[in-house]
């Protein structure tokens, strides 16, 4: 086991930059580098201090920081950050030296030594959703619209479905003519931010179409699509202006 600490150990602690109790705030808080080893040390006895842990791990490398953690009703533990030992050829060698101390008794209790687990970074989700997910949203939105039209008593407002309809109301491949007619009736009661945004979007489409005096430079397909979008915008404005 690890016995009581002598004065020379205390001086070593000070030299190592360990933030022990009573030292200046911020001591031993050097920025962690890639090659530093961070350990989780658990199952600590109540009277175990930073000094005990410094003595335990001092041969593994230069100790940059020791942080004690304790909470009421929970086991005490610590995080120990060690710089790669000069004698060790790799970071792994430093880790092996430290991990070999797992189960060592400190003040009569076997401590648990593990490498601290790194928090996994959340992967950035692709903004492009799978076709199946998009299809399900479309089907849900159209069912939502149909139920609003046919069975208002059992219909319930769903913001996600409404937002989908508003975002795709100009896309004839999704919101076909039949559903667009229902959509026009649905937005009669549209107010607040959603109503204002929908009205402004329609106004912009109409204005942009009107400003393009020379429409002959477009191919027939683009010209037709622009016209159909314009027609829908006009109808939406008629509804929202009443």
C-alpha atoms as a PDB file:
ATOM      1  CA  UNK A   1       0.000   0.000   0.000  1.00  0.00           C
ATOM      2  CA  UNK A   2       0.937   3.680  -0.169  1.00  0.00           C
ATOM      3  CA  UNK A   3       1.975   5.005   3.211  1.00  0.00           C
ATOM      4  CA  UNK A   4       1.942   8.541   4.592  1.00  0.00           C
ATOM      5  CA  UNK A   5       3.612  11.302   2.599  1.00  0.00           C
ATOM      6  CA  UNK A   6       6.837  13.041   3.708  1.00  0.00           C
ATOM      7  CA  UNK A   7       7.756  16.706   3.235  1.00  0.00           C
ATOM      8  CA  UNK A   8       9.886  15.929   0.195  1.00  0.00           C
ATOM      9  CA  UNK A   9       6.787  14.499  -1.539  1.00  0.00           C
ATOM     10  CA  UNK A  10       4.918  17.745  -0.882  1.00  0.00           C
ATOM     11  CA  UNK A  11       7.714  19.717  -2.532  1.00  0.00           C
ATOM     12  CA  UNK A  12       7.573  17.402  -5.554  1.00  0.00           C
ATOM     13  CA  UNK A  13       3.845  18.020  -5.800  1.00  0.00           C
ATOM     14  CA  UNK A  14       4.455  21.746  -5.901  1.00  0.00           C
ATOM     15  CA  UNK A  15       7.105  21.354  -8.590  1.00  0.00           C
ATOM     16  CA  UNK A  16       4.850  19.157 -10.728  1.00  0.00           C
ATOM     17  CA  UNK A  17       2.233  21.836 -11.058  1.00  0.00           C
ATOM     18  CA  UNK A  18      -0.464  19.729  -9.384  1.00  0.00           C
ATOM     19  CA  UNK A  19      -3.356  21.882  -8.260  1.00  0.00           C
ATOM     20  CA  UNK A  20      -3.387  20.661  -4.667  1.00  0.00           C
ATOM     21  CA  UNK A  21      -5.622  22.189  -2.003  1.00  0.00           C
ATOM     22  CA  UNK A  22      -4.178  25.417  -0.676  1.00  0.00           C
ATOM     23  CA  UNK A  23      -2.152  26.211  -3.797  1.00  0.00           C
ATOM     24  CA  UNK A  24      -2.820  29.143  -6.095  1.00  0.00           C
ATOM     25  CA  UNK A  25      -5.927  28.850  -8.263  1.00  0.00           C
ATOM     26  CA  UNK A  26      -5.072  27.912 -11.819  1.00  0.00           C
ATOM     27  CA  UNK A  27      -1.895  26.059 -10.878  1.00  0.00           C
ATOM     28  CA  UNK A  28      -1.399  22.910 -12.900  1.00  0.00           C
ATOM     29  CA  UNK A  29      -4.060  23.789 -15.467  1.00  0.00           C
ATOM     30  CA  UNK A  30      -1.773  23.561 -18.484  1.00  0.00           C
ATOM     31  CA  UNK A  31      -3.525  23.017 -21.779  1.00  0.00           C
ATOM     32  CA  UNK A  32      -3.839  19.317 -22.566  1.00  0.00           C
ATOM     33  CA  UNK A  33      -1.842  18.220 -25.594  1.00  0.00           C
ATOM     34  CA  UNK A  34      -2.515  15.356 -27.955  1.00  0.00           C
ATOM     35  CA  UNK A  35       0.159  13.097 -26.451  1.00  0.00           C
ATOM     36  CA  UNK A  36      -0.939  13.647 -22.848  1.00  0.00           C
ATOM     37  CA  UNK A  37      -2.524  10.699 -21.040  1.00  0.00           C
ATOM     38  CA  UNK A  38      -5.690  11.367 -19.027  1.00  0.00           C
ATOM     39  CA  UNK A  39      -6.560   8.762 -16.419  1.00  0.00           C
ATOM     40  CA  UNK A  40      -9.694   8.005 -14.460  1.00  0.00           C
ATOM     41  CA  UNK A  41      -8.791   6.938 -10.929  1.00  0.00           C
ATOM     42  CA  UNK A  42     -11.750   5.597  -8.952  1.00  0.00           C
ATOM     43  CA  UNK A  43     -12.660   3.857  -5.701  1.00  0.00           C
ATOM     44  CA  UNK A  44     -10.717   6.391  -3.630  1.00  0.00           C
ATOM     45  CA  UNK A  45     -10.702   6.362   0.160  1.00  0.00           C
ATOM     46  CA  UNK A  46     -11.977   9.529   1.863  1.00  0.00           C
ATOM     47  CA  UNK A  47      -8.553  10.642   3.085  1.00  0.00           C
ATOM     48  CA  UNK A  48      -6.772  10.170  -0.284  1.00  0.00           C
ATOM     49  CA  UNK A  49      -5.397  13.495  -1.575  1.00  0.00           C
ATOM     50  CA  UNK A  50      -3.658  14.784  -4.693  1.00  0.00           C
ATOM     51  CA  UNK A  51      -0.351  14.060  -2.959  1.00  0.00           C
ATOM     52  CA  UNK A  52      -1.115  10.350  -2.707  1.00  0.00           C
ATOM     53  CA  UNK A  53      -1.970  10.174  -6.392  1.00  0.00           C
ATOM     54  CA  UNK A  54       1.105  12.164  -7.371  1.00  0.00           C
ATOM     55  CA  UNK A  55       3.318   9.663  -5.606  1.00  0.00           C
ATOM     56  CA  UNK A  56       1.473   6.749  -7.184  1.00  0.00           C
ATOM     57  CA  UNK A  57       1.833   7.978 -10.782  1.00  0.00           C
ATOM     58  CA  UNK A  58       5.067   9.999 -10.621  1.00  0.00           C
ATOM     59  CA  UNK A  59       7.127   7.298 -12.359  1.00  0.00           C
ATOM     60  CA  UNK A  60       4.721   7.220 -15.322  1.00  0.00           C
ATOM     61  CA  UNK A  61       5.609  10.689 -16.568  1.00  0.00           C
ATOM     62  CA  UNK A  62       5.396  14.396 -15.778  1.00  0.00           C
ATOM     63  CA  UNK A  63       2.122  14.992 -13.929  1.00  0.00           C
ATOM     64  CA  UNK A  64       0.413  18.048 -15.344  1.00  0.00           C
ATOM     65  CA  UNK A  65      -2.768  18.059 -13.319  1.00  0.00           C
ATOM     66  CA  UNK A  66      -4.765  16.130 -10.730  1.00  0.00           C
ATOM     67  CA  UNK A  67      -8.424  16.977 -10.232  1.00  0.00           C
ATOM     68  CA  UNK A  68     -10.369  15.419  -7.375  1.00  0.00           C
ATOM     69  CA  UNK A  69     -14.115  14.803  -7.726  1.00  0.00           C
ATOM     70  CA  UNK A  70     -16.516  14.007  -4.935  1.00  0.00           C
ATOM     71  CA  UNK A  71     -20.278  14.125  -4.582  1.00  0.00           C
ATOM     72  CA  UNK A  72     -22.557  13.262  -1.704  1.00  0.00           C
ATOM     73  CA  UNK A  73     -23.481   9.604  -1.785  1.00  0.00           C
ATOM     74  CA  UNK A  74     -21.056   8.834  -4.641  1.00  0.00           C
ATOM     75  CA  UNK A  75     -17.608   7.262  -4.830  1.00  0.00           C
ATOM     76  CA  UNK A  76     -14.705   9.683  -4.885  1.00  0.00           C
ATOM     77  CA  UNK A  77     -12.616   9.685  -8.040  1.00  0.00           C
ATOM     78  CA  UNK A  78      -9.972  11.773  -9.786  1.00  0.00           C
ATOM     79  CA  UNK A  79      -8.669  12.664 -13.216  1.00  0.00           C
ATOM     80  CA  UNK A  80      -4.921  12.598 -13.610  1.00  0.00           C
ATOM     81  CA  UNK A  81      -3.235  14.147 -16.652  1.00  0.00           C
ATOM     82  CA  UNK A  82       0.283  12.898 -17.406  1.00  0.00           C
ATOM     83  CA  UNK A  83       2.732  14.135 -20.000  1.00  0.00           C
ATOM     84  CA  UNK A  84       4.436  11.384 -21.996  1.00  0.00           C
ATOM     85  CA  UNK A  85       7.448  10.054 -20.115  1.00  0.00           C
ATOM     86  CA  UNK A  86      10.718  10.978 -21.800  1.00  0.00           C
ATOM     87  CA  UNK A  87      11.926   7.440 -21.269  1.00  0.00           C
ATOM     88  CA  UNK A  88       8.809   6.048 -22.920  1.00  0.00           C
ATOM     89  CA  UNK A  89       8.933   5.879 -26.701  1.00  0.00           C
ATOM     90  CA  UNK A  90       5.205   6.374 -27.245  1.00  0.00           C
ATOM     91  CA  UNK A  91       2.079   7.606 -25.541  1.00  0.00           C
ATOM     92  CA  UNK A  92       0.979   3.966 -25.265  1.00  0.00           C
ATOM     93  CA  UNK A  93       4.041   3.146 -23.105  1.00  0.00           C
ATOM     94  CA  UNK A  94       3.051   5.890 -20.664  1.00  0.00           C
ATOM     95  CA  UNK A  95      -0.492   4.537 -20.597  1.00  0.00           C
ATOM     96  CA  UNK A  96       0.750   0.994 -19.919  1.00  0.00           C
ATOM     97  CA  UNK A  97       2.833   2.158 -16.975  1.00  0.00           C
ATOM     98  CA  UNK A  98      -0.184   3.908 -15.487  1.00  0.00           C
ATOM     99  CA  UNK A  99      -2.696   1.139 -16.184  1.00  0.00           C
ATOM    100  CA  UNK A 100      -0.388  -1.392 -14.553  1.00  0.00           C
ATOM    101  CA  UNK A 101      -1.199   0.370 -11.267  1.00  0.00           C
ATOM    102  CA  UNK A 102      -4.849  -0.711 -11.443  1.00  0.00           C
ATOM    103  CA  UNK A 103      -5.731  -2.481  -8.174  1.00  0.00           C
ATOM    104  CA  UNK A 104      -2.887  -0.892  -6.204  1.00  0.00           C
ATOM    105  CA  UNK A 105      -3.835  -0.150  -2.602  1.00  0.00           C
ATOM    106  CA  UNK A 106      -3.844   3.502  -1.609  1.00  0.00           C
ATOM    107  CA  UNK A 107      -4.616   4.116   2.048  1.00  0.00           C
ATOM    108  CA  UNK A 108      -5.916   0.575   2.410  1.00  0.00           C
ATOM    109  CA  UNK A 109      -8.225   0.572  -0.616  1.00  0.00           C
ATOM    110  CA  UNK A 110      -7.565  -0.842  -4.111  1.00  0.00           C
ATOM    111  CA  UNK A 111      -7.929   1.965  -6.664  1.00  0.00           C
ATOM    112  CA  UNK A 112      -9.363   1.597 -10.118  1.00  0.00           C
ATOM    113  CA  UNK A 113      -7.196   3.012 -12.938  1.00  0.00           C
ATOM    114  CA  UNK A 114      -8.541   3.424 -16.463  1.00  0.00           C
ATOM    115  CA  UNK A 115      -7.970   5.667 -19.462  1.00  0.00           C
ATOM    116  CA  UNK A 116     -10.525   8.443 -19.450  1.00  0.00           C
ATOM    117  CA  UNK A 117     -13.044   7.910 -22.229  1.00  0.00           C
ATOM    118  CA  UNK A 118     -13.175  10.658 -24.800  1.00  0.00           C
ATOM    119  CA  UNK A 119     -16.561  12.162 -25.579  1.00  0.00           C
ATOM    120  CA  UNK A 120     -17.621  11.108 -29.021  1.00  0.00           C
ATOM    121  CA  UNK A 121     -18.169  14.002 -31.373  1.00  0.00           C
ATOM    122  CA  UNK A 122     -21.603  14.071 -32.897  1.00  0.00           C
ATOM    123  CA  UNK A 123     -21.479  13.442 -36.586  1.00  0.00           C
ATOM    124  CA  UNK A 124     -22.894  16.217 -38.684  1.00  0.00           C
ATOM    125  CA  UNK A 125     -26.110  15.027 -40.194  1.00  0.00           C
ATOM    126  CA  UNK A 126     -26.459  15.320 -43.914  1.00  0.00           C
ATOM    127  CA  UNK A 127     -28.949  18.020 -44.790  1.00  0.00           C
ATOM    128  CA  UNK A 128     -30.156  15.857 -47.656  1.00  0.00           C
ATOM    129  CA  UNK A 129     -32.711  13.463 -46.210  1.00  0.00           C
ATOM    130  CA  UNK A 130     -33.238   9.966 -47.586  1.00  0.00           C
ATOM    131  CA  UNK A 131     -35.922   9.703 -50.245  1.00  0.00           C
ATOM    132  CA  UNK A 132     -37.961   7.357 -48.011  1.00  0.00           C
ATOM    133  CA  UNK A 133     -38.061   9.954 -45.215  1.00  0.00           C
ATOM    134  CA  UNK A 134     -39.078  12.717 -47.625  1.00  0.00           C
ATOM    135  CA  UNK A 135     -41.785  10.481 -49.068  1.00  0.00           C
ATOM    136  CA  UNK A 136     -43.178   9.739 -45.606  1.00  0.00           C
ATOM    137  CA  UNK A 137     -43.325  13.459 -44.822  1.00  0.00           C
ATOM    138  CA  UNK A 138     -45.191  14.092 -48.051  1.00  0.00           C
ATOM    139  CA  UNK A 139     -47.685  11.297 -47.394  1.00  0.00           C
ATOM    140  CA  UNK A 140     -48.248  12.501 -43.820  1.00  0.00           C
ATOM    141  CA  UNK A 141     -48.775  16.086 -44.989  1.00  0.00           C
ATOM    142  CA  UNK A 142     -51.298  15.073 -47.658  1.00  0.00           C
ATOM    143  CA  UNK A 143     -53.200  12.844 -45.204  1.00  0.00           C
ATOM    144  CA  UNK A 144     -53.218  15.754 -42.768  1.00  0.00           C
ATOM    145  CA  UNK A 145     -54.710  17.983 -45.456  1.00  0.00           C
ATOM    146  CA  UNK A 146     -57.292  15.370 -46.496  1.00  0.00           C
ATOM    147  CA  UNK A 147     -58.428  14.847 -42.905  1.00  0.00           C
ATOM    148  CA  UNK A 148     -58.765  18.610 -42.425  1.00  0.00           C
ATOM    149  CA  UNK A 149     -61.036  18.697 -45.483  1.00  0.00           C
ATOM    150  CA  UNK A 150     -63.140  15.588 -44.787  1.00  0.00           C
ATOM    151  CA  UNK A 151     -63.243  15.066 -41.005  1.00  0.00           C
ATOM    152  CA  UNK A 152     -62.571  18.277 -39.111  1.00  0.00           C
ATOM    153  CA  UNK A 153     -63.781  16.793 -35.784  1.00  0.00           C
ATOM    154  CA  UNK A 154     -61.014  14.175 -35.728  1.00  0.00           C
ATOM    155  CA  UNK A 155     -58.422  16.452 -37.329  1.00  0.00           C
ATOM    156  CA  UNK A 156     -55.610  17.784 -35.113  1.00  0.00           C
ATOM    157  CA  UNK A 157     -53.205  20.590 -35.893  1.00  0.00           C
ATOM    158  CA  UNK A 158     -49.678  19.412 -36.671  1.00  0.00           C
ATOM    159  CA  UNK A 159     -47.065  22.106 -37.126  1.00  0.00           C
ATOM    160  CA  UNK A 160     -44.626  19.826 -38.972  1.00  0.00           C
ATOM    161  CA  UNK A 161     -47.227  18.920 -41.585  1.00  0.00           C
ATOM    162  CA  UNK A 162     -48.267  22.546 -42.019  1.00  0.00           C
ATOM    163  CA  UNK A 163     -44.643  23.643 -42.438  1.00  0.00           C
ATOM    164  CA  UNK A 164     -44.098  20.934 -45.044  1.00  0.00           C
ATOM    165  CA  UNK A 165     -47.145  22.070 -47.031  1.00  0.00           C
ATOM    166  CA  UNK A 166     -46.060  25.717 -46.887  1.00  0.00           C
ATOM    167  CA  UNK A 167     -42.526  24.855 -47.976  1.00  0.00           C
ATOM    168  CA  UNK A 168     -43.656  22.723 -50.925  1.00  0.00           C
ATOM    169  CA  UNK A 169     -46.869  24.415 -52.081  1.00  0.00           C
ATOM    170  CA  UNK A 170     -45.222  25.552 -55.358  1.00  0.00           C
ATOM    171  CA  UNK A 171     -43.937  22.084 -56.199  1.00  0.00           C
ATOM    172  CA  UNK A 172     -46.533  20.527 -58.492  1.00  0.00           C
ATOM    173  CA  UNK A 173     -44.821  17.128 -58.305  1.00  0.00           C
ATOM    174  CA  UNK A 174     -45.623  16.994 -54.585  1.00  0.00           C
ATOM    175  CA  UNK A 175     -48.712  19.142 -54.095  1.00  0.00           C
ATOM    176  CA  UNK A 176     -50.815  18.293 -57.113  1.00  0.00           C
ATOM    177  CA  UNK A 177     -53.776  20.308 -58.375  1.00  0.00           C
ATOM    178  CA  UNK A 178     -56.394  18.513 -56.243  1.00  0.00           C
ATOM    179  CA  UNK A 179     -54.488  18.988 -52.997  1.00  0.00           C
ATOM    180  CA  UNK A 180     -53.514  22.550 -53.904  1.00  0.00           C
ATOM    181  CA  UNK A 181     -57.225  23.467 -54.043  1.00  0.00           C
ATOM    182  CA  UNK A 182     -57.636  22.090 -50.499  1.00  0.00           C
ATOM    183  CA  UNK A 183     -54.452  23.891 -49.473  1.00  0.00           C
ATOM    184  CA  UNK A 184     -55.918  27.229 -50.621  1.00  0.00           C
ATOM    185  CA  UNK A 185     -58.932  26.686 -48.371  1.00  0.00           C
ATOM    186  CA  UNK A 186     -56.665  25.615 -45.520  1.00  0.00           C
ATOM    187  CA  UNK A 187     -54.550  28.791 -45.563  1.00  0.00           C
ATOM    188  CA  UNK A 188     -57.571  31.085 -45.337  1.00  0.00           C
ATOM    189  CA  UNK A 189     -57.212  30.965 -41.549  1.00  0.00           C
ATOM    190  CA  UNK A 190     -53.402  31.210 -41.667  1.00  0.00           C
ATOM    191  CA  UNK A 191     -52.235  34.073 -39.427  1.00  0.00           C
ATOM    192  CA  UNK A 192     -49.206  35.269 -37.512  1.00  0.00           C
ATOM    193  CA  UNK A 193     -45.638  34.643 -38.656  1.00  0.00           C
ATOM    194  CA  UNK A 194     -46.589  31.744 -40.943  1.00  0.00           C
ATOM    195  CA  UNK A 195     -49.229  33.801 -42.729  1.00  0.00           C
ATOM    196  CA  UNK A 196     -46.950  36.806 -43.157  1.00  0.00           C
ATOM    197  CA  UNK A 197     -44.070  34.694 -44.445  1.00  0.00           C
ATOM    198  CA  UNK A 198     -46.307  32.872 -46.926  1.00  0.00           C
ATOM    199  CA  UNK A 199     -47.749  36.141 -48.213  1.00  0.00           C
ATOM    200  CA  UNK A 200     -44.296  37.729 -48.664  1.00  0.00           C
ATOM    201  CA  UNK A 201     -42.984  34.669 -50.490  1.00  0.00           C
ATOM    202  CA  UNK A 202     -45.925  34.830 -52.907  1.00  0.00           C
ATOM    203  CA  UNK A 203     -45.426  38.573 -53.438  1.00  0.00           C
ATOM    204  CA  UNK A 204     -41.743  38.021 -54.270  1.00  0.00           C
ATOM    205  CA  UNK A 205     -42.582  35.313 -56.815  1.00  0.00           C
ATOM    206  CA  UNK A 206     -45.139  37.542 -58.529  1.00  0.00           C
ATOM    207  CA  UNK A 207     -42.814  40.553 -58.563  1.00  0.00           C
ATOM    208  CA  UNK A 208     -39.848  38.585 -59.924  1.00  0.00           C
ATOM    209  CA  UNK A 209     -42.004  37.135 -62.683  1.00  0.00           C
ATOM    210  CA  UNK A 210     -43.417  40.538 -63.638  1.00  0.00           C
ATOM    211  CA  UNK A 211     -39.965  42.148 -63.669  1.00  0.00           C
ATOM    212  CA  UNK A 212     -38.681  39.710 -66.253  1.00  0.00           C
ATOM    213  CA  UNK A 213     -39.917  41.608 -69.294  1.00  0.00           C
ATOM    214  CA  UNK A 214     -38.001  39.475 -71.769  1.00  0.00           C
ATOM    215  CA  UNK A 215     -39.212  35.947 -71.114  1.00  0.00           C
ATOM    216  CA  UNK A 216     -38.189  34.634 -74.537  1.00  0.00           C
ATOM    217  CA  UNK A 217     -34.653  33.777 -73.417  1.00  0.00           C
ATOM    218  CA  UNK A 218     -35.931  30.902 -71.285  1.00  0.00           C
ATOM    219  CA  UNK A 219     -36.486  27.475 -72.777  1.00  0.00           C
ATOM    220  CA  UNK A 220     -40.071  26.288 -72.950  1.00  0.00           C
ATOM    221  CA  UNK A 221     -39.775  23.985 -69.927  1.00  0.00           C
ATOM    222  CA  UNK A 222     -38.386  26.689 -67.622  1.00  0.00           C
ATOM    223  CA  UNK A 223     -40.864  29.234 -68.946  1.00  0.00           C
ATOM    224  CA  UNK A 224     -43.783  26.891 -68.212  1.00  0.00           C
ATOM    225  CA  UNK A 225     -42.531  26.108 -64.690  1.00  0.00           C
ATOM    226  CA  UNK A 226     -42.116  29.802 -63.894  1.00  0.00           C
ATOM    227  CA  UNK A 227     -45.613  30.531 -65.166  1.00  0.00           C
ATOM    228  CA  UNK A 228     -47.179  27.727 -63.109  1.00  0.00           C
ATOM    229  CA  UNK A 229     -45.358  28.925 -59.987  1.00  0.00           C
ATOM    230  CA  UNK A 230     -46.543  32.470 -60.701  1.00  0.00           C
ATOM    231  CA  UNK A 231     -50.146  31.295 -61.079  1.00  0.00           C
ATOM    232  CA  UNK A 232     -50.036  29.543 -57.714  1.00  0.00           C
ATOM    233  CA  UNK A 233     -48.532  32.624 -56.061  1.00  0.00           C
ATOM    234  CA  UNK A 234     -51.334  34.795 -57.437  1.00  0.00           C
ATOM    235  CA  UNK A 235     -53.974  32.398 -56.050  1.00  0.00           C
ATOM    236  CA  UNK A 236     -52.284  32.323 -52.647  1.00  0.00           C
ATOM    237  CA  UNK A 237     -52.225  36.135 -52.544  1.00  0.00           C
ATOM    238  CA  UNK A 238     -55.917  36.267 -53.445  1.00  0.00           C
ATOM    239  CA  UNK A 239     -56.756  33.993 -50.511  1.00  0.00           C
ATOM    240  CA  UNK A 240     -54.527  35.764 -47.976  1.00  0.00           C
ATOM    241  CA  UNK A 241     -55.704  39.225 -49.058  1.00  0.00           C
ATOM    242  CA  UNK A 242     -59.368  38.502 -48.297  1.00  0.00           C
END
